[in-house]
Amino acid sequence: MNTTKVWLNDELVDAQKATVSVFDHGFTVGDGAFETLKVVNTQPVALTRHIKRLVHSLNTIGIEFDKEDLLKKAINEVISANKSLGEVMRMRITYTSGVGPLGSDRTKDNFTLVVAVSPESIWPDTALVITVSDPRNDKSILAGSKTTSYAQNAALLSVAKKQGAHEAIMPNTKGELCEGTGSNIFVVKDGQVMTPPLSGGCLGGITRALVIKWFDVKEVDLPMSVLKDVDEAFLTSSTRDIQPISKIDDRVLNAPGPVASKMRKEFIEKLAQNYDA
């Protein structure tokens, strides 16, 4: 079934009637931030962490956020109104600087808040990825923030899809392994799990943080070439949890490998004990 209700600014509205102004800066200049999270049995997963990251992203680009109570009300009402979508839903929270002039200047005391859900698609058991040369700008003010300025991610994901892959893996400006367009990447070598540090420009993924919290993971700068000889690799994100990688460019990996398989099973078990971990 389709989404029936969404939250727009300060009220729940019919999804088919929810509209945002063509002058909204989220549309005209990508001036806003967003979060994507999973809802399981009406429970938003890692909500506290997602709200904290949303606030961080907004603060990074100079947008003040003081509507946490309104946001939580919106989340609860949207979930309640869309229970027919199933036990697992994808939720998108978008917050922008609102309607503004046809330029980069913002209008004071203005905002747009949208909370929407849809049925969650099932990810493949393993992922096919490609590497790309277009770098994540680790020196940018946007590095590590989840903003609505998402064109690079969309463009590179399109490149991956055209090559029959599920994800594109980017370096940073130093040529180091960084992240995917919508995921963090982990590699396994000789039993040790490793992932790029936040200082390298990758997004502070929610699932990434939980994996580091619950398992033995080293955050370390890695060259892109590490992908040529790792034993295992996997992606993480809020909707895919832990997804083993079965192919990197032309290199086939034995996936799911033993390390990723064990971690995925334990991750799901731990999360079920406390959805707001």
Protein backbone atom coordinates (compact mmCIF):
# COMPACT_ATOMS: atom_id res chain seq x y z
CA MET A 1 0.00 0.00 0.00
CA ASN A 2 1.08 3.56 -0.60
CA THR A 3 1.90 6.15 2.02
CA THR A 4 -1.33 7.75 3.22
CA LYS A 5 -0.19 10.58 5.50
CA VAL A 6 2.94 12.73 5.81
CA TRP A 7 3.91 15.45 8.22
CA LEU A 8 4.41 18.89 6.68
CA ASN A 9 5.67 21.72 8.91
CA ASP A 10 3.18 21.54 11.78
CA GLU A 11 0.47 19.09 10.78
CA LEU A 12 -0.35 15.69 9.37
CA VAL A 13 -1.66 15.91 5.80
CA ASP A 14 -2.77 13.57 3.02
CA ALA A 15 0.29 12.39 1.13
CA GLN A 16 -1.27 13.28 -2.24
CA LYS A 17 -1.91 16.85 -1.08
CA ALA A 18 1.45 17.52 0.60
CA THR A 19 3.27 20.22 -1.35
CA VAL A 20 6.35 22.35 -0.75
CA SER A 21 6.89 25.77 -2.31
CA VAL A 22 9.00 26.01 -5.46
CA PHE A 23 10.84 28.80 -3.59
CA ASP A 24 11.87 26.47 -0.76
CA HIS A 25 15.63 26.56 -0.37
CA GLY A 26 15.78 22.81 0.05
CA PHE A 27 14.72 22.73 -3.61
CA THR A 28 16.43 25.80 -5.06
CA VAL A 29 19.86 25.58 -3.40
CA GLY A 30 19.88 22.31 -1.44
CA ASP A 31 19.95 24.22 1.85
CA GLY A 32 18.90 21.67 4.42
CA ALA A 33 19.63 18.31 6.02
CA PHE A 34 17.91 14.96 6.20
CA GLU A 35 17.91 11.61 7.93
CA THR A 36 16.82 8.19 6.71
CA LEU A 37 16.00 5.59 9.33
CA LYS A 38 14.28 2.28 9.69
CA VAL A 39 11.03 1.77 11.61
CA VAL A 40 10.48 -1.75 12.97
CA ASN A 41 7.16 -2.71 14.55
CA THR A 42 6.33 1.02 14.94
CA GLN A 43 9.69 1.67 16.67
CA PRO A 44 12.08 4.13 14.99
CA VAL A 45 15.54 2.58 15.13
CA ALA A 46 18.35 4.60 16.77
CA LEU A 47 16.14 7.71 16.84
CA THR A 48 18.23 9.56 19.43
CA ARG A 49 21.34 9.13 17.29
CA HIS A 50 19.53 10.22 14.13
CA ILE A 51 18.18 13.40 15.73
CA LYS A 52 21.63 14.23 17.10
CA ARG A 53 23.16 13.83 13.63
CA LEU A 54 20.40 15.92 12.04
CA VAL A 55 21.11 18.74 14.47
CA HIS A 56 24.85 18.43 13.79
CA SER A 57 24.32 18.60 10.02
CA LEU A 58 22.06 21.64 10.33
CA ASN A 59 24.44 23.42 12.69
CA THR A 60 27.32 22.75 10.29
CA ILE A 61 25.56 24.73 7.56
CA GLY A 62 24.33 27.40 9.95
CA ILE A 63 20.67 26.41 10.33
CA GLU A 64 19.35 26.54 13.89
CA PHE A 65 17.14 23.67 14.98
CA ASP A 66 14.95 24.08 18.05
CA LYS A 67 12.00 21.88 17.14
CA GLU A 68 12.88 18.51 18.62
CA ASP A 69 9.52 18.18 20.40
CA LEU A 70 7.66 18.98 17.18
CA LEU A 71 9.82 16.47 15.30
CA LYS A 72 9.11 13.68 17.78
CA LYS A 73 5.38 14.42 17.59
CA ALA A 74 5.59 14.31 13.80
CA ILE A 75 7.43 10.98 13.85
CA ASN A 76 4.89 9.36 16.17
CA GLU A 77 1.90 10.58 14.19
CA VAL A 78 3.33 9.56 10.82
CA ILE A 79 4.09 6.05 12.09
CA SER A 80 0.63 5.71 13.62
CA ALA A 81 -1.10 6.93 10.46
CA ASN A 82 0.80 4.54 8.18
CA LYS A 83 0.75 1.24 10.08
CA SER A 84 -0.80 -0.43 7.04
CA LEU A 85 2.56 -0.17 5.23
CA GLY A 86 3.88 -3.15 7.19
CA GLU A 87 6.19 -4.09 10.05
CA VAL A 88 9.26 -2.48 8.49
CA MET A 89 9.20 1.03 7.03
CA ARG A 90 11.72 3.52 5.74
CA MET A 91 11.38 6.98 7.28
CA ARG A 92 12.77 10.18 5.80
CA ILE A 93 13.09 13.37 7.88
CA THR A 94 13.86 16.52 5.91
CA TYR A 95 14.47 19.96 7.40
CA THR A 96 15.33 22.99 5.27
CA SER A 97 15.77 26.72 5.72
CA GLY A 98 12.35 27.12 4.12
CA VAL A 99 11.05 29.57 1.54
CA GLY A 100 13.63 32.14 0.50
CA PRO A 101 14.71 34.46 -2.31
CA LEU A 102 16.02 33.15 -5.64
CA GLY A 103 19.56 33.24 -4.34
CA SER A 104 21.50 31.88 -1.40
CA ASP A 105 20.30 34.35 1.25
CA ARG A 106 17.95 32.84 3.81
CA THR A 107 14.70 34.23 5.13
CA LYS A 108 14.86 34.67 8.91
CA ASP A 109 12.78 32.45 11.20
CA ASN A 110 11.63 30.20 8.40
CA PHE A 111 11.75 26.42 7.98
CA THR A 112 10.25 23.43 6.24
CA LEU A 113 9.86 20.10 8.05
CA VAL A 114 8.75 16.95 6.25
CA VAL A 115 8.46 13.48 7.77
CA ALA A 116 7.39 10.67 5.47
CA VAL A 117 7.49 6.87 5.39
CA SER A 118 7.32 4.19 2.74
CA PRO A 119 7.46 0.39 2.75
CA GLU A 120 11.05 -0.76 3.16
CA SER A 121 12.54 -2.67 0.27
CA ILE A 122 14.56 -5.80 1.00
CA TRP A 123 18.25 -5.39 0.23
CA PRO A 124 20.07 -8.19 -1.64
CA ASP A 125 21.95 -10.61 0.60
CA THR A 126 25.24 -9.36 -0.86
CA ALA A 127 26.26 -6.22 -2.72
CA LEU A 128 28.07 -5.63 -5.99
CA VAL A 129 30.15 -2.44 -5.83
CA ILE A 130 32.36 -0.44 -8.13
CA THR A 131 35.10 2.00 -7.26
CA VAL A 132 35.04 5.50 -8.72
CA SER A 133 37.72 8.16 -8.98
CA ASP A 134 35.47 11.12 -8.17
CA PRO A 135 36.46 11.98 -4.58
CA ARG A 136 34.51 12.88 -1.49
CA ASN A 137 35.78 16.34 -0.55
CA ASP A 138 37.06 15.77 2.97
CA LYS A 139 38.01 19.46 3.17
CA SER A 140 34.47 20.72 2.46
CA ILE A 141 32.26 22.33 5.09
CA LEU A 142 29.75 19.61 4.18
CA ALA A 143 32.11 16.72 4.95
CA GLY A 144 30.55 14.42 7.51
CA SER A 145 27.13 16.07 7.22
CA LYS A 146 23.99 14.61 5.67
CA THR A 147 22.67 17.56 3.72
CA THR A 148 20.15 17.87 0.92
CA SER A 149 23.03 18.86 -1.39
CA TYR A 150 23.19 15.23 -2.53
CA ALA A 151 23.84 15.50 -6.27
CA GLN A 152 27.29 13.86 -6.15
CA ASN A 153 25.84 10.83 -4.39
CA ALA A 154 22.94 10.55 -6.84
CA ALA A 155 25.22 10.90 -9.86
CA LEU A 156 27.70 8.26 -8.70
CA LEU A 157 24.97 5.84 -7.66
CA SER A 158 23.55 6.21 -11.16
CA VAL A 159 26.97 5.31 -12.59
CA ALA A 160 27.05 2.19 -10.40
CA LYS A 161 23.53 1.13 -11.40
CA LYS A 162 24.35 1.50 -15.10
CA GLN A 163 27.21 -0.96 -14.56
CA GLY A 164 24.97 -3.46 -12.79
CA ALA A 165 26.27 -2.62 -9.31
CA HIS A 166 24.43 -1.63 -6.13
CA GLU A 167 26.87 0.97 -4.81
CA ALA A 168 29.85 3.15 -5.75
CA ILE A 169 32.83 3.45 -3.40
CA MET A 170 34.63 6.80 -3.32
CA PRO A 171 38.11 7.86 -2.25
CA ASN A 172 38.74 11.14 -0.45
CA THR A 173 40.95 13.90 -1.86
CA LYS A 174 44.06 12.08 -0.56
CA GLY A 175 43.16 8.92 -2.46
CA GLU A 176 42.21 7.05 0.68
CA LEU A 177 39.22 4.72 1.00
CA CYS A 178 36.28 6.84 2.15
CA GLU A 179 32.67 5.66 1.74
CA GLY A 180 29.81 4.72 -0.56
CA THR A 181 27.16 7.08 -1.88
CA GLY A 182 24.75 5.96 0.84
CA SER A 183 26.82 3.68 3.01
CA ASN A 184 29.96 3.24 5.04
CA ILE A 185 32.47 0.55 4.12
CA PHE A 186 34.33 -1.93 6.31
CA VAL A 187 37.05 -4.36 5.25
CA VAL A 188 38.39 -7.53 6.88
CA LYS A 189 42.04 -8.59 6.60
CA ASP A 190 43.50 -11.51 8.57
CA GLY A 191 40.48 -11.43 10.89
CA GLN A 192 40.79 -7.71 11.71
CA VAL A 193 37.84 -5.47 10.83
CA MET A 194 38.80 -1.96 9.69
CA THR A 195 36.98 1.14 8.50
CA PRO A 196 38.04 4.66 7.45
CA PRO A 197 38.03 7.28 10.25
CA LEU A 198 35.69 10.25 10.26
CA SER A 199 38.72 12.53 9.77
CA GLY A 200 38.91 11.13 6.24
CA GLY A 201 35.64 12.81 5.28
CA CYS A 202 33.12 9.97 5.51
CA LEU A 203 29.69 10.39 7.06
CA GLY A 204 29.34 9.36 10.67
CA GLY A 205 26.89 6.59 9.86
CA ILE A 206 24.53 5.45 12.59
CA THR A 207 25.04 1.77 11.84
CA ARG A 208 28.76 2.43 11.48
CA ALA A 209 28.85 3.83 15.02
CA LEU A 210 26.95 0.84 16.43
CA VAL A 211 29.24 -1.64 14.68
CA ILE A 212 32.27 0.13 16.16
CA LYS A 213 30.59 0.16 19.58
CA TRP A 214 29.70 -3.53 19.60
CA PHE A 215 32.61 -5.15 17.76
CA ASP A 216 36.40 -5.06 17.51
CA VAL A 217 36.93 -2.51 14.75
CA LYS A 218 39.98 -0.37 13.96
CA GLU A 219 39.43 3.07 12.48
CA VAL A 220 42.42 3.56 10.22
CA ASP A 221 43.39 5.41 7.03
CA LEU A 222 43.43 2.91 4.18
CA PRO A 223 44.48 3.27 0.54
CA MET A 224 41.87 2.47 -2.10
CA SER A 225 44.19 -0.34 -3.19
CA VAL A 226 43.33 -2.24 0.01
CA LEU A 227 40.18 -3.42 -1.75
CA LYS A 228 42.33 -5.55 -4.07
CA ASP A 229 43.42 -7.99 -1.38
CA VAL A 230 41.02 -7.86 1.59
CA ASP A 231 39.49 -11.13 2.74
CA GLU A 232 36.01 -9.67 3.19
CA ALA A 233 34.26 -6.33 2.88
CA PHE A 234 30.81 -5.09 3.82
CA LEU A 235 28.61 -2.03 3.69
CA THR A 236 26.59 -0.53 6.53
CA SER A 237 23.66 1.85 6.56
CA SER A 238 20.51 2.46 8.57
CA THR A 239 18.34 0.45 6.19
CA ARG A 240 20.71 -2.32 5.08
CA ASP A 241 22.29 -2.99 8.52
CA ILE A 242 25.39 -5.05 7.54
CA GLN A 243 25.54 -6.09 3.89
CA PRO A 244 28.48 -8.26 2.75
CA ILE A 245 30.15 -7.32 -0.56
CA SER A 246 30.41 -10.12 -3.11
CA LYS A 247 32.16 -8.22 -5.90
CA ILE A 248 34.39 -5.12 -6.11
CA ASP A 249 34.86 -4.03 -9.72
CA ASP A 250 36.04 -7.27 -11.39
CA ARG A 251 37.15 -8.96 -8.16
CA VAL A 252 34.82 -11.62 -6.75
CA LEU A 253 34.80 -12.14 -2.98
CA ASN A 254 33.53 -15.16 -1.09
CA ALA A 255 30.46 -13.56 0.43
CA PRO A 256 28.98 -13.62 2.90
CA GLY A 257 32.27 -14.41 4.61
CA PRO A 258 32.51 -15.80 8.14
CA VAL A 259 33.32 -12.51 9.87
CA ALA A 260 30.57 -10.47 8.21
CA SER A 261 28.03 -13.27 8.65
CA LYS A 262 28.71 -13.52 12.38
CA MET A 263 28.65 -9.75 12.84
CA ARG A 264 25.39 -9.35 10.92
CA LYS A 265 23.65 -12.00 13.02
CA GLU A 266 24.88 -10.50 16.30
CA PHE A 267 24.11 -6.95 15.15
CA ILE A 268 20.47 -7.78 14.45
CA GLU A 269 20.18 -9.55 17.82
CA LYS A 270 21.68 -6.62 19.73
CA LEU A 271 19.50 -4.08 17.95
CA ALA A 272 16.35 -6.05 18.74
CA GLN A 273 17.16 -5.73 22.45
CA ASN A 274 17.09 -1.93 22.25
CA TYR A 275 15.90 -0.18 19.11
CA ASP A 276 17.16 3.17 20.40
CA ALA A 277 20.69 1.85 20.96
